[in-house]
Amino acid sequence: SNADERLEAVHDVLMLLPPAHYETLRYLMIHLKKVTMNEKDN
C-alpha cells in the first residue's frame, strides 16, 4: 500500500529479470512513456 515501499519492491524484482528481458522491458517502458506524453492526442 505504501507508494515508496512499493516502488522499492518493484525495483528489487526488476533486478531478478534475465538481462535480455530487463533490457527489452526498459526499452519498451521508455517508448510507452513517450506515448503518454502525447496523451492529449492519443
PDB file of all heavy atoms in Angstrom:
ATOM      1  N   SER A   1       0.808  -1.223   0.000  1.00  0.00           N
ATOM      2  CA  SER A   1       0.000   0.000   0.000  1.00  0.00           C
ATOM      3  C   SER A   1       0.842   1.275   0.000  1.00  0.00           C
ATOM      4  O   SER A   1       0.492   2.262  -0.642  1.00  0.00           O
ATOM      5  CB  SER A   1      -0.956   0.008   1.197  1.00  0.00           C
ATOM      6  OG  SER A   1      -0.231  -0.136   2.410  1.00  0.00           O
ATOM      7  N   ASN A   2       1.986   1.256   0.692  1.00  0.00           N
ATOM      8  CA  ASN A   2       2.849   2.438   0.739  1.00  0.00           C
ATOM      9  C   ASN A   2       3.562   2.604  -0.607  1.00  0.00           C
ATOM     10  O   ASN A   2       4.264   1.707  -1.063  1.00  0.00           O
ATOM     11  CB  ASN A   2       3.866   2.289   1.875  1.00  0.00           C
ATOM     12  CG  ASN A   2       4.782   3.495   1.981  1.00  0.00           C
ATOM     13  OD1 ASN A   2       5.730   3.620   1.227  1.00  0.00           O
ATOM     14  ND2 ASN A   2       4.478   4.381   2.920  1.00  0.00           N
ATOM     15  N   ALA A   3       3.398   3.779  -1.227  1.00  0.00           N
ATOM     16  CA  ALA A   3       3.898   4.000  -2.586  1.00  0.00           C
ATOM     17  C   ALA A   3       5.421   3.877  -2.681  1.00  0.00           C
ATOM     18  O   ALA A   3       5.949   3.287  -3.634  1.00  0.00           O
ATOM     19  CB  ALA A   3       3.449   5.363  -3.100  1.00  0.00           C
ATOM     20  N   ASP A   4       6.149   4.449  -1.693  1.00  0.00           N
ATOM     21  CA  ASP A   4       7.614   4.392  -1.715  1.00  0.00           C
ATOM     22  C   ASP A   4       8.118   2.961  -1.548  1.00  0.00           C
ATOM     23  O   ASP A   4       9.033   2.521  -2.256  1.00  0.00           O
ATOM     24  CB  ASP A   4       8.204   5.276  -0.619  1.00  0.00           C
ATOM     25  CG  ASP A   4       7.981   6.751  -0.896  1.00  0.00           C
ATOM     26  OD1 ASP A   4       7.836   7.100  -2.080  1.00  0.00           O
ATOM     27  OD2 ASP A   4       7.943   7.542   0.069  1.00  0.00           O
ATOM     28  N   GLU A   5       7.522   2.238  -0.602  1.00  0.00           N
ATOM     29  CA  GLU A   5       7.931   0.848  -0.375  1.00  0.00           C
ATOM     30  C   GLU A   5       7.586  -0.025  -1.580  1.00  0.00           C
ATOM     31  O   GLU A   5       8.339  -0.936  -1.934  1.00  0.00           O
ATOM     32  CB  GLU A   5       7.240   0.311   0.881  1.00  0.00           C
ATOM     33  CG  GLU A   5       7.736   0.952   2.167  1.00  0.00           C
ATOM     34  CD  GLU A   5       6.960   0.479   3.389  1.00  0.00           C
ATOM     35  OE1 GLU A   5       6.131  -0.467   3.247  1.00  0.00           O
ATOM     36  OE2 GLU A   5       7.160   1.053   4.471  1.00  0.00           O
ATOM     37  N   ARG A   6       6.447   0.270  -2.214  1.00  0.00           N
ATOM     38  CA  ARG A   6       6.049  -0.476  -3.410  1.00  0.00           C
ATOM     39  C   ARG A   6       7.053  -0.262  -4.537  1.00  0.00           C
ATOM     40  O   ARG A   6       7.448  -1.202  -5.239  1.00  0.00           O
ATOM     41  CB  ARG A   6       4.649  -0.042  -3.838  1.00  0.00           C
ATOM     42  CG  ARG A   6       4.064  -0.864  -4.989  1.00  0.00           C
ATOM     43  CD  ARG A   6       2.600  -0.527  -5.189  1.00  0.00           C
ATOM     44  NE  ARG A   6       2.441   0.894  -5.472  1.00  0.00           N
ATOM     45  CZ  ARG A   6       1.402   1.619  -5.078  1.00  0.00           C
ATOM     46  NH1 ARG A   6       0.434   1.079  -4.361  1.00  0.00           N
ATOM     47  NH2 ARG A   6       1.319   2.910  -5.379  1.00  0.00           N
ATOM     48  N   LEU A   7       7.496   0.989  -4.704  1.00  0.00           N
ATOM     49  CA  LEU A   7       8.474   1.303  -5.746  1.00  0.00           C
ATOM     50  C   LEU A   7       9.790   0.576  -5.491  1.00  0.00           C
ATOM     51  O   LEU A   7      10.408   0.034  -6.418  1.00  0.00           O
ATOM     52  CB  LEU A   7       8.692   2.811  -5.800  1.00  0.00           C
ATOM     53  CG  LEU A   7       9.415   3.367  -7.037  1.00  0.00           C
ATOM     54  CD1 LEU A   7       8.611   3.109  -8.297  1.00  0.00           C
ATOM     55  CD2 LEU A   7       9.684   4.858  -6.870  1.00  0.00           C
ATOM     56  N   GLU A   8      10.224   0.559  -4.238  1.00  0.00           N
ATOM     57  CA  GLU A   8      11.446  -0.166  -3.852  1.00  0.00           C
ATOM     58  C   GLU A   8      11.306  -1.653  -4.176  1.00  0.00           C
ATOM     59  O   GLU A   8      12.227  -2.278  -4.713  1.00  0.00           O
ATOM     60  CB  GLU A   8      11.701   0.004  -2.343  1.00  0.00           C
ATOM     61  CG  GLU A   8      12.192   1.374  -1.933  1.00  0.00           C
ATOM     62  CD  GLU A   8      13.708   1.446  -1.887  1.00  0.00           C
ATOM     63  OE1 GLU A   8      14.359   0.449  -2.239  1.00  0.00           O
ATOM     64  OE2 GLU A   8      14.218   2.511  -1.506  1.00  0.00           O
ATOM     65  N   ALA A   9      10.150  -2.219  -3.850  1.00  0.00           N
ATOM     66  CA  ALA A   9       9.921  -3.654  -4.075  1.00  0.00           C
ATOM     67  C   ALA A   9       9.915  -3.977  -5.560  1.00  0.00           C
ATOM     68  O   ALA A   9      10.490  -4.984  -5.991  1.00  0.00           O
ATOM     69  CB  ALA A   9       8.605  -4.080  -3.426  1.00  0.00           C
ATOM     70  N   VAL A  10       9.281  -3.116  -6.363  1.00  0.00           N
ATOM     71  CA  VAL A  10       9.254  -3.325  -7.820  1.00  0.00           C
ATOM     72  C   VAL A  10      10.674  -3.277  -8.376  1.00  0.00           C
ATOM     73  O   VAL A  10      11.063  -4.113  -9.203  1.00  0.00           O
ATOM     74  CB  VAL A  10       8.358  -2.271  -8.510  1.00  0.00           C
ATOM     75  CG1 VAL A  10       8.545  -2.308 -10.030  1.00  0.00           C
ATOM     76  CG2 VAL A  10       6.893  -2.493  -8.155  1.00  0.00           C
ATOM     77  N   HIS A  11      11.456  -2.316  -7.904  1.00  0.00           N
ATOM     78  CA  HIS A  11      12.850  -2.212  -8.350  1.00  0.00           C
ATOM     79  C   HIS A  11      13.634  -3.481  -8.025  1.00  0.00           C
ATOM     80  O   HIS A  11      14.385  -4.003  -8.861  1.00  0.00           O
ATOM     81  CB  HIS A  11      13.524  -1.015  -7.688  1.00  0.00           C
ATOM     82  CG  HIS A  11      15.014  -1.022  -7.816  1.00  0.00           C
ATOM     83  ND1 HIS A  11      15.842  -1.487  -6.830  1.00  0.00           N
ATOM     84  CD2 HIS A  11      15.816  -0.668  -8.843  1.00  0.00           C
ATOM     85  CE1 HIS A  11      17.093  -1.403  -7.230  1.00  0.00           C
ATOM     86  NE2 HIS A  11      17.109  -0.906  -8.445  1.00  0.00           N
ATOM     87  N   ASP A  12      13.470  -3.990  -6.807  1.00  0.00           N
ATOM     88  CA  ASP A  12      14.211  -5.183  -6.393  1.00  0.00           C
ATOM     89  C   ASP A  12      13.861  -6.392  -7.270  1.00  0.00           C
ATOM     90  O   ASP A  12      14.738  -7.194  -7.598  1.00  0.00           O
ATOM     91  CB  ASP A  12      13.912  -5.499  -4.922  1.00  0.00           C
ATOM     92  CG  ASP A  12      14.538  -4.482  -3.976  1.00  0.00           C
ATOM     93  OD1 ASP A  12      15.425  -3.732  -4.418  1.00  0.00           O
ATOM     94  OD2 ASP A  12      14.119  -4.426  -2.795  1.00  0.00           O
ATOM     95  N   VAL A  13      12.588  -6.515  -7.652  1.00  0.00           N
ATOM     96  CA  VAL A  13      12.192  -7.650  -8.500  1.00  0.00           C
ATOM     97  C   VAL A  13      12.706  -7.455  -9.928  1.00  0.00           C
ATOM     98  O   VAL A  13      13.099  -8.417 -10.586  1.00  0.00           O
ATOM     99  CB  VAL A  13      10.656  -7.848  -8.498  1.00  0.00           C
ATOM    100  CG1 VAL A  13      10.302  -9.128  -9.252  1.00  0.00           C
ATOM    101  CG2 VAL A  13      10.105  -7.932  -7.092  1.00  0.00           C
ATOM    102  N   LEU A  14      12.723  -6.214 -10.394  1.00  0.00           N
ATOM    103  CA  LEU A  14      13.262  -5.938 -11.734  1.00  0.00           C
ATOM    104  C   LEU A  14      14.686  -6.479 -11.880  1.00  0.00           C
ATOM    105  O   LEU A  14      15.068  -6.990 -12.934  1.00  0.00           O
ATOM    106  CB  LEU A  14      13.288  -4.430 -12.001  1.00  0.00           C
ATOM    107  CG  LEU A  14      12.023  -3.780 -12.563  1.00  0.00           C
ATOM    108  CD1 LEU A  14      12.201  -2.270 -12.627  1.00  0.00           C
ATOM    109  CD2 LEU A  14      11.684  -4.334 -13.934  1.00  0.00           C
ATOM    110  N   MET A  15      15.457  -6.369 -10.801  1.00  0.00           N
ATOM    111  CA  MET A  15      16.850  -6.809 -10.836  1.00  0.00           C
ATOM    112  C   MET A  15      16.985  -8.330 -10.958  1.00  0.00           C
ATOM    113  O   MET A  15      18.073  -8.842 -11.215  1.00  0.00           O
ATOM    114  CB  MET A  15      17.587  -6.339  -9.576  1.00  0.00           C
ATOM    115  CG  MET A  15      17.742  -4.834  -9.469  1.00  0.00           C
ATOM    116  SD  MET A  15      18.714  -4.119 -10.834  1.00  0.00           S
ATOM    117  CE  MET A  15      17.433  -3.392 -11.841  1.00  0.00           C
ATOM    118  N   LEU A  16      15.884  -9.056 -10.788  1.00  0.00           N
ATOM    119  CA  LEU A  16      15.911 -10.520 -10.898  1.00  0.00           C
ATOM    120  C   LEU A  16      15.625 -11.001 -12.321  1.00  0.00           C
ATOM    121  O   LEU A  16      15.777 -12.187 -12.611  1.00  0.00           O
ATOM    122  CB  LEU A  16      14.872 -11.138  -9.940  1.00  0.00           C
ATOM    123  CG  LEU A  16      15.033 -10.815  -8.450  1.00  0.00           C
ATOM    124  CD1 LEU A  16      13.890 -11.432  -7.649  1.00  0.00           C
ATOM    125  CD2 LEU A  16      16.379 -11.315  -7.929  1.00  0.00           C
ATOM    126  N   LEU A  17      15.214 -10.080 -13.193  1.00  0.00           N
ATOM    127  CA  LEU A  17      14.912 -10.469 -14.571  1.00  0.00           C
ATOM    128  C   LEU A  17      16.190 -10.847 -15.321  1.00  0.00           C
ATOM    129  O   LEU A  17      17.243 -10.245 -15.100  1.00  0.00           O
ATOM    130  CB  LEU A  17      14.229  -9.326 -15.315  1.00  0.00           C
ATOM    131  CG  LEU A  17      12.774  -9.012 -14.963  1.00  0.00           C
ATOM    132  CD1 LEU A  17      12.342  -7.721 -15.663  1.00  0.00           C
ATOM    133  CD2 LEU A  17      11.852 -10.163 -15.341  1.00  0.00           C
ATOM    134  N   PRO A  18      16.108 -11.826 -16.224  1.00  0.00           N
ATOM    135  CA  PRO A  18      17.270 -12.113 -17.084  1.00  0.00           C
ATOM    136  C   PRO A  18      17.633 -10.853 -17.874  1.00  0.00           C
ATOM    137  O   PRO A  18      16.744 -10.057 -18.220  1.00  0.00           O
ATOM    138  CB  PRO A  18      16.751 -13.219 -18.016  1.00  0.00           C
ATOM    139  CG  PRO A  18      15.583 -13.823 -17.294  1.00  0.00           C
ATOM    140  CD  PRO A  18      14.966 -12.711 -16.503  1.00  0.00           C
ATOM    141  N   PRO A  19      18.913 -10.646 -18.171  1.00  0.00           N
ATOM    142  CA  PRO A  19      19.355  -9.399 -18.806  1.00  0.00           C
ATOM    143  C   PRO A  19      18.592  -9.010 -20.070  1.00  0.00           C
ATOM    144  O   PRO A  19      18.224  -7.854 -20.227  1.00  0.00           O
ATOM    145  CB  PRO A  19      20.833  -9.684 -19.117  1.00  0.00           C
ATOM    146  CG  PRO A  19      21.245 -10.664 -18.084  1.00  0.00           C
ATOM    147  CD  PRO A  19      20.047 -11.522 -17.822  1.00  0.00           C
ATOM    148  N   ALA A  20      18.355  -9.964 -20.967  1.00  0.00           N
ATOM    149  CA  ALA A  20      17.651  -9.633 -22.213  1.00  0.00           C
ATOM    150  C   ALA A  20      16.207  -9.213 -21.938  1.00  0.00           C
ATOM    151  O   ALA A  20      15.664  -8.343 -22.621  1.00  0.00           O
ATOM    152  CB  ALA A  20      17.692 -10.815 -23.179  1.00  0.00           C
ATOM    153  N   HIS A  21      15.590  -9.821 -20.950  1.00  0.00           N
ATOM    154  CA  HIS A  21      14.218  -9.463 -20.573  1.00  0.00           C
ATOM    155  C   HIS A  21      14.193  -8.066 -19.949  1.00  0.00           C
ATOM    156  O   HIS A  21      13.313  -7.258 -20.256  1.00  0.00           O
ATOM    157  CB  HIS A  21      13.658 -10.490 -19.587  1.00  0.00           C
ATOM    158  CG  HIS A  21      13.319 -11.809 -20.210  1.00  0.00           C
ATOM    159  ND1 HIS A  21      12.035 -12.271 -20.328  1.00  0.00           N
ATOM    160  CD2 HIS A  21      14.109 -12.758 -20.771  1.00  0.00           C
ATOM    161  CE1 HIS A  21      12.035 -13.455 -20.926  1.00  0.00           C
ATOM    162  NE2 HIS A  21      13.290 -13.766 -21.199  1.00  0.00           N
ATOM    163  N   TYR A  22      15.160  -7.804 -19.076  1.00  0.00           N
ATOM    164  CA  TYR A  22      15.265  -6.484 -18.442  1.00  0.00           C
ATOM    165  C   TYR A  22      15.440  -5.398 -19.498  1.00  0.00           C
ATOM    166  O   TYR A  22      14.749  -4.372 -19.475  1.00  0.00           O
ATOM    167  CB  TYR A  22      16.455  -6.484 -17.477  1.00  0.00           C
ATOM    168  CG  TYR A  22      16.734  -5.140 -16.842  1.00  0.00           C
ATOM    169  CD1 TYR A  22      16.188  -4.802 -15.605  1.00  0.00           C
ATOM    170  CD2 TYR A  22      17.549  -4.206 -17.485  1.00  0.00           C
ATOM    171  CE1 TYR A  22      16.449  -3.563 -15.022  1.00  0.00           C
ATOM    172  CE2 TYR A  22      17.802  -2.967 -16.916  1.00  0.00           C
ATOM    173  CZ  TYR A  22      17.254  -2.653 -15.692  1.00  0.00           C
ATOM    174  OH  TYR A  22      17.509  -1.423 -15.130  1.00  0.00           O
ATOM    175  N   GLU A  23      16.367  -5.607 -20.421  1.00  0.00           N
ATOM    176  CA  GLU A  23      16.665  -4.595 -21.439  1.00  0.00           C
ATOM    177  C   GLU A  23      15.465  -4.362 -22.355  1.00  0.00           C
ATOM    178  O   GLU A  23      15.169  -3.226 -22.731  1.00  0.00           O
ATOM    179  CB  GLU A  23      17.888  -5.029 -22.253  1.00  0.00           C
ATOM    180  CG  GLU A  23      18.203  -4.173 -23.472  1.00  0.00           C
ATOM    181  CD  GLU A  23      18.423  -2.697 -23.136  1.00  0.00           C
ATOM    182  OE1 GLU A  23      18.809  -2.391 -21.986  1.00  0.00           O
ATOM    183  OE2 GLU A  23      18.201  -1.858 -24.030  1.00  0.00           O
ATOM    184  N   THR A  24      14.753  -5.430 -22.707  1.00  0.00           N
ATOM    185  CA  THR A  24      13.560  -5.300 -23.551  1.00  0.00           C
ATOM    186  C   THR A  24      12.480  -4.514 -22.820  1.00  0.00           C
ATOM    187  O   THR A  24      11.844  -3.626 -23.407  1.00  0.00           O
ATOM    188  CB  THR A  24      13.020  -6.693 -23.938  1.00  0.00           C
ATOM    189  OG1 THR A  24      14.042  -7.410 -24.649  1.00  0.00           O
ATOM    190  CG2 THR A  24      11.788  -6.592 -24.812  1.00  0.00           C
ATOM    191  N   LEU A  25      12.274  -4.813 -21.547  1.00  0.00           N
ATOM    192  CA  LEU A  25      11.271  -4.117 -20.750  1.00  0.00           C
ATOM    193  C   LEU A  25      11.650  -2.640 -20.587  1.00  0.00           C
ATOM    194  O   LEU A  25      10.790  -1.751 -20.695  1.00  0.00           O
ATOM    195  CB  LEU A  25      11.139  -4.787 -19.376  1.00  0.00           C
ATOM    196  CG  LEU A  25       9.998  -4.309 -18.484  1.00  0.00           C
ATOM    197  CD1 LEU A  25       8.639  -4.592 -19.119  1.00  0.00           C
ATOM    198  CD2 LEU A  25      10.075  -4.984 -17.113  1.00  0.00           C
ATOM    199  N   ARG A  26      12.911  -2.382 -20.335  1.00  0.00           N
ATOM    200  CA  ARG A  26      13.390  -0.997 -20.186  1.00  0.00           C
ATOM    201  C   ARG A  26      13.101  -0.184 -21.445  1.00  0.00           C
ATOM    202  O   ARG A  26      12.548   0.927 -21.382  1.00  0.00           O
ATOM    203  CB  ARG A  26      14.896  -0.996 -19.898  1.00  0.00           C
ATOM    204  CG  ARG A  26      15.510   0.387 -19.656  1.00  0.00           C
ATOM    205  CD  ARG A  26      17.032   0.337 -19.686  1.00  0.00           C
ATOM    206  NE  ARG A  26      17.524   0.099 -21.037  1.00  0.00           N
ATOM    207  CZ  ARG A  26      17.675   1.061 -21.957  1.00  0.00           C
ATOM    208  NH1 ARG A  26      17.360   2.316 -21.674  1.00  0.00           N
ATOM    209  NH2 ARG A  26      18.126   0.770 -23.156  1.00  0.00           N
ATOM    210  N   TYR A  27      13.453  -0.736 -22.583  1.00  0.00           N
ATOM    211  CA  TYR A  27      13.272  -0.046 -23.863  1.00  0.00           C
ATOM    212  C   TYR A  27      11.790   0.201 -24.147  1.00  0.00           C
ATOM    213  O   TYR A  27      11.403   1.279 -24.611  1.00  0.00           O
ATOM    214  CB  TYR A  27      13.902  -0.892 -24.971  1.00  0.00           C
ATOM    215  CG  TYR A  27      14.000  -0.200 -26.312  1.00  0.00           C
ATOM    216  CD1 TYR A  27      14.925   0.818 -26.525  1.00  0.00           C
ATOM    217  CD2 TYR A  27      13.186  -0.591 -27.372  1.00  0.00           C
ATOM    218  CE1 TYR A  27      15.036   1.434 -27.756  1.00  0.00           C
ATOM    219  CE2 TYR A  27      13.281   0.022 -28.614  1.00  0.00           C
ATOM    220  CZ  TYR A  27      14.210   1.036 -28.797  1.00  0.00           C
ATOM    221  OH  TYR A  27      14.307   1.658 -30.028  1.00  0.00           O
ATOM    222  N   LEU A  28      10.960  -0.790 -23.848  1.00  0.00           N
ATOM    223  CA  LEU A  28       9.521  -0.655 -24.064  1.00  0.00           C
ATOM    224  C   LEU A  28       8.932   0.419 -23.158  1.00  0.00           C
ATOM    225  O   LEU A  28       8.085   1.216 -23.599  1.00  0.00           O
ATOM    226  CB  LEU A  28       8.821  -1.999 -23.814  1.00  0.00           C
ATOM    227  CG  LEU A  28       7.293  -1.991 -23.940  1.00  0.00           C
ATOM    228  CD1 LEU A  28       6.856  -1.652 -25.367  1.00  0.00           C
ATOM    229  CD2 LEU A  28       6.704  -3.339 -23.510  1.00  0.00           C
ATOM    230  N   MET A  29       9.360   0.481 -21.906  1.00  0.00           N
ATOM    231  CA  MET A  29       8.815   1.468 -20.977  1.00  0.00           C
ATOM    232  C   MET A  29       9.213   2.895 -21.371  1.00  0.00           C
ATOM    233  O   MET A  29       8.416   3.833 -21.209  1.00  0.00           O
ATOM    234  CB  MET A  29       9.271   1.178 -19.536  1.00  0.00           C
ATOM    235  CG  MET A  29       8.667  -0.093 -18.955  1.00  0.00           C
ATOM    236  SD  MET A  29       6.855  -0.104 -19.017  1.00  0.00           S
ATOM    237  CE  MET A  29       6.548  -1.627 -19.904  1.00  0.00           C
ATOM    238  N   ILE A  30      10.405   3.063 -21.877  1.00  0.00           N
ATOM    239  CA  ILE A  30      10.818   4.381 -22.379  1.00  0.00           C
ATOM    240  C   ILE A  30       9.885   4.793 -23.523  1.00  0.00           C
ATOM    241  O   ILE A  30       9.438   5.945 -23.607  1.00  0.00           O
ATOM    242  CB  ILE A  30      12.287   4.358 -22.850  1.00  0.00           C
ATOM    243  CG1 ILE A  30      13.231   4.195 -21.652  1.00  0.00           C
ATOM    244  CG2 ILE A  30      12.635   5.628 -23.625  1.00  0.00           C
ATOM    245  CD1 ILE A  30      14.673   3.948 -22.027  1.00  0.00           C
ATOM    246  N   HIS A  31       9.579   3.838 -24.385  1.00  0.00           N
ATOM    247  CA  HIS A  31       8.664   4.105 -25.505  1.00  0.00           C
ATOM    248  C   HIS A  31       7.257   4.437 -25.001  1.00  0.00           C
ATOM    249  O   HIS A  31       6.645   5.415 -25.451  1.00  0.00           O
ATOM    250  CB  HIS A  31       8.619   2.878 -26.420  1.00  0.00           C
ATOM    251  CG  HIS A  31       7.459   2.865 -27.361  1.00  0.00           C
ATOM    252  ND1 HIS A  31       7.290   3.811 -28.357  1.00  0.00           N
ATOM    253  CD2 HIS A  31       6.380   2.022 -27.451  1.00  0.00           C
ATOM    254  CE1 HIS A  31       6.170   3.561 -29.019  1.00  0.00           C
ATOM    255  NE2 HIS A  31       5.610   2.485 -28.493  1.00  0.00           N
ATOM    256  N   LEU A  32       6.742   3.648 -24.067  1.00  0.00           N
ATOM    257  CA  LEU A  32       5.387   3.874 -23.574  1.00  0.00           C
ATOM    258  C   LEU A  32       5.281   5.199 -22.818  1.00  0.00           C
ATOM    259  O   LEU A  32       4.221   5.830 -22.814  1.00  0.00           O
ATOM    260  CB  LEU A  32       4.934   2.704 -22.693  1.00  0.00           C
ATOM    261  CG  LEU A  32       4.761   1.357 -23.414  1.00  0.00           C
ATOM    262  CD1 LEU A  32       4.270   0.280 -22.455  1.00  0.00           C
ATOM    263  CD2 LEU A  32       3.817   1.472 -24.611  1.00  0.00           C
ATOM    264  N   LYS A  33       6.374   5.629 -22.193  1.00  0.00           N
ATOM    265  CA  LYS A  33       6.382   6.949 -21.557  1.00  0.00           C
ATOM    266  C   LYS A  33       6.189   8.037 -22.620  1.00  0.00           C
ATOM    267  O   LYS A  33       5.454   9.011 -22.399  1.00  0.00           O
ATOM    268  CB  LYS A  33       7.709   7.148 -20.807  1.00  0.00           C
ATOM    269  CG  LYS A  33       7.775   8.403 -19.943  1.00  0.00           C
ATOM    270  CD  LYS A  33       6.795   8.310 -18.770  1.00  0.00           C
ATOM    271  CE  LYS A  33       7.014   9.438 -17.769  1.00  0.00           C
ATOM    272  NZ  LYS A  33       8.172   9.204 -16.896  1.00  0.00           N
ATOM    273  N   LYS A  34       6.814   7.858 -23.786  1.00  0.00           N
ATOM    274  CA  LYS A  34       6.631   8.801 -24.898  1.00  0.00           C
ATOM    275  C   LYS A  34       5.175   8.806 -25.368  1.00  0.00           C
ATOM    276  O   LYS A  34       4.640   9.851 -25.735  1.00  0.00           O
ATOM    277  CB  LYS A  34       7.553   8.437 -26.068  1.00  0.00           C
ATOM    278  CG  LYS A  34       9.026   8.647 -25.800  1.00  0.00           C
ATOM    279  CD  LYS A  34       9.865   8.212 -26.990  1.00  0.00           C
ATOM    280  CE  LYS A  34      11.343   8.275 -26.683  1.00  0.00           C
ATOM    281  NZ  LYS A  34      12.173   7.739 -27.796  1.00  0.00           N
ATOM    282  N   VAL A  35       4.560   7.630 -25.357  1.00  0.00           N
ATOM    283  CA  VAL A  35       3.145   7.537 -25.741  1.00  0.00           C
ATOM    284  C   VAL A  35       2.299   8.387 -24.790  1.00  0.00           C
ATOM    285  O   VAL A  35       1.431   9.153 -25.223  1.00  0.00           O
ATOM    286  CB  VAL A  35       2.655   6.069 -25.730  1.00  0.00           C
ATOM    287  CG1 VAL A  35       1.145   6.007 -25.963  1.00  0.00           C
ATOM    288  CG2 VAL A  35       3.382   5.250 -26.804  1.00  0.00           C
ATOM    289  N   THR A  36       2.558   8.301 -23.485  1.00  0.00           N
ATOM    290  CA  THR A  36       1.770   9.065 -22.503  1.00  0.00           C
ATOM    291  C   THR A  36       2.020  10.571 -22.626  1.00  0.00           C
ATOM    292  O   THR A  36       1.146  11.371 -22.283  1.00  0.00           O
ATOM    293  CB  THR A  36       2.093   8.626 -21.056  1.00  0.00           C
ATOM    294  OG1 THR A  36       3.458   8.949 -20.724  1.00  0.00           O
ATOM    295  CG2 THR A  36       1.872   7.136 -20.866  1.00  0.00           C
ATOM    296  N   MET A  37       3.166  10.951 -23.139  1.00  0.00           N
ATOM    297  CA  MET A  37       3.468  12.374 -23.320  1.00  0.00           C
ATOM    298  C   MET A  37       2.637  12.986 -24.456  1.00  0.00           C
ATOM    299  O   MET A  37       2.582  14.209 -24.604  1.00  0.00           O
ATOM    300  CB  MET A  37       4.969  12.567 -23.578  1.00  0.00           C
ATOM    301  CG  MET A  37       5.830  12.274 -22.348  1.00  0.00           C
ATOM    302  SD  MET A  37       7.588  12.104 -22.713  1.00  0.00           S
ATOM    303  CE  MET A  37       8.011  13.771 -23.185  1.00  0.00           C
ATOM    304  N   ASN A  38       2.006  12.129 -25.246  1.00  0.00           N
ATOM    305  CA  ASN A  38       1.117  12.578 -26.323  1.00  0.00           C
ATOM    306  C   ASN A  38      -0.345  12.268 -25.997  1.00  0.00           C
ATOM    307  O   ASN A  38      -1.177  12.120 -26.895  1.00  0.00           O
ATOM    308  CB  ASN A  38       1.514  11.914 -27.642  1.00  0.00           C
ATOM    309  CG  ASN A  38       2.835  12.434 -28.188  1.00  0.00           C
ATOM    310  OD1 ASN A  38       2.877  13.421 -28.911  1.00  0.00           O
ATOM    311  ND2 ASN A  38       3.932  11.771 -27.821  1.00  0.00           N
ATOM    312  N   GLU A  39      -0.639  12.191 -24.699  1.00  0.00           N
ATOM    313  CA  GLU A  39      -1.980  11.780 -24.260  1.00  0.00           C
ATOM    314  C   GLU A  39      -3.080  12.692 -24.793  1.00  0.00           C
ATOM    315  O   GLU A  39      -4.188  12.232 -25.092  1.00  0.00           O
ATOM    316  CB  GLU A  39      -2.030  11.751 -22.726  1.00  0.00           C
ATOM    317  CG  GLU A  39      -3.374  11.288 -22.175  1.00  0.00           C
ATOM    318  CD  GLU A  39      -3.500  11.484 -20.671  1.00  0.00           C
ATOM    319  OE1 GLU A  39      -2.484  11.827 -20.033  1.00  0.00           O
ATOM    320  OE2 GLU A  39      -4.621  11.303 -20.156  1.00  0.00           O
ATOM    321  N   LYS A  40      -2.802  13.976 -24.943  1.00  0.00           N
ATOM    322  CA  LYS A  40      -3.852  14.897 -25.396  1.00  0.00           C
ATOM    323  C   LYS A  40      -4.312  14.563 -26.818  1.00  0.00           C
ATOM    324  O   LYS A  40      -5.436  14.902 -27.203  1.00  0.00           O
ATOM    325  CB  LYS A  40      -3.376  16.344 -25.321  1.00  0.00           C
ATOM    326  CG  LYS A  40      -2.194  16.702 -26.206  1.00  0.00           C
ATOM    327  CD  LYS A  40      -1.813  18.163 -26.015  1.00  0.00           C
ATOM    328  CE  LYS A  40      -0.579  18.540 -26.827  1.00  0.00           C
ATOM    329  NZ  LYS A  40      -0.767  18.366 -28.273  1.00  0.00           N
ATOM    330  N   ASP A  41      -3.468  13.865 -27.584  1.00  0.00           N
ATOM    331  CA  ASP A  41      -3.850  13.454 -28.939  1.00  0.00           C
ATOM    332  C   ASP A  41      -4.295  11.995 -28.991  1.00  0.00           C
ATOM    333  O   ASP A  41      -5.273  11.665 -29.665  1.00  0.00           O
ATOM    334  CB  ASP A  41      -2.671  13.647 -29.911  1.00  0.00           C
ATOM    335  CG  ASP A  41      -2.287  15.115 -30.060  1.00  0.00           C
ATOM    336  OD1 ASP A  41      -3.175  15.904 -30.431  1.00  0.00           O
ATOM    337  OD2 ASP A  41      -1.126  15.451 -29.797  1.00  0.00           O
ATOM    338  N   ASN A  42      -3.564  11.108 -28.292  1.00  0.00           N
ATOM    339  CA  ASN A  42      -3.867   9.670 -28.418  1.00  0.00           C
ATOM    340  C   ASN A  42      -4.788   9.141 -27.306  1.00  0.00           C
ATOM    341  O   ASN A  42      -5.246   7.997 -27.369  1.00  0.00           O
ATOM    342  CB  ASN A  42      -2.571   8.842 -28.483  1.00  0.00           C
ATOM    343  CG  ASN A  42      -1.690   8.991 -27.247  1.00  0.00           C
ATOM    344  OD1 ASN A  42      -2.180   9.071 -26.119  1.00  0.00           O
ATOM    345  ND2 ASN A  42      -0.373   9.006 -27.450  1.00  0.00           N
TER     346      ASN A  42
END
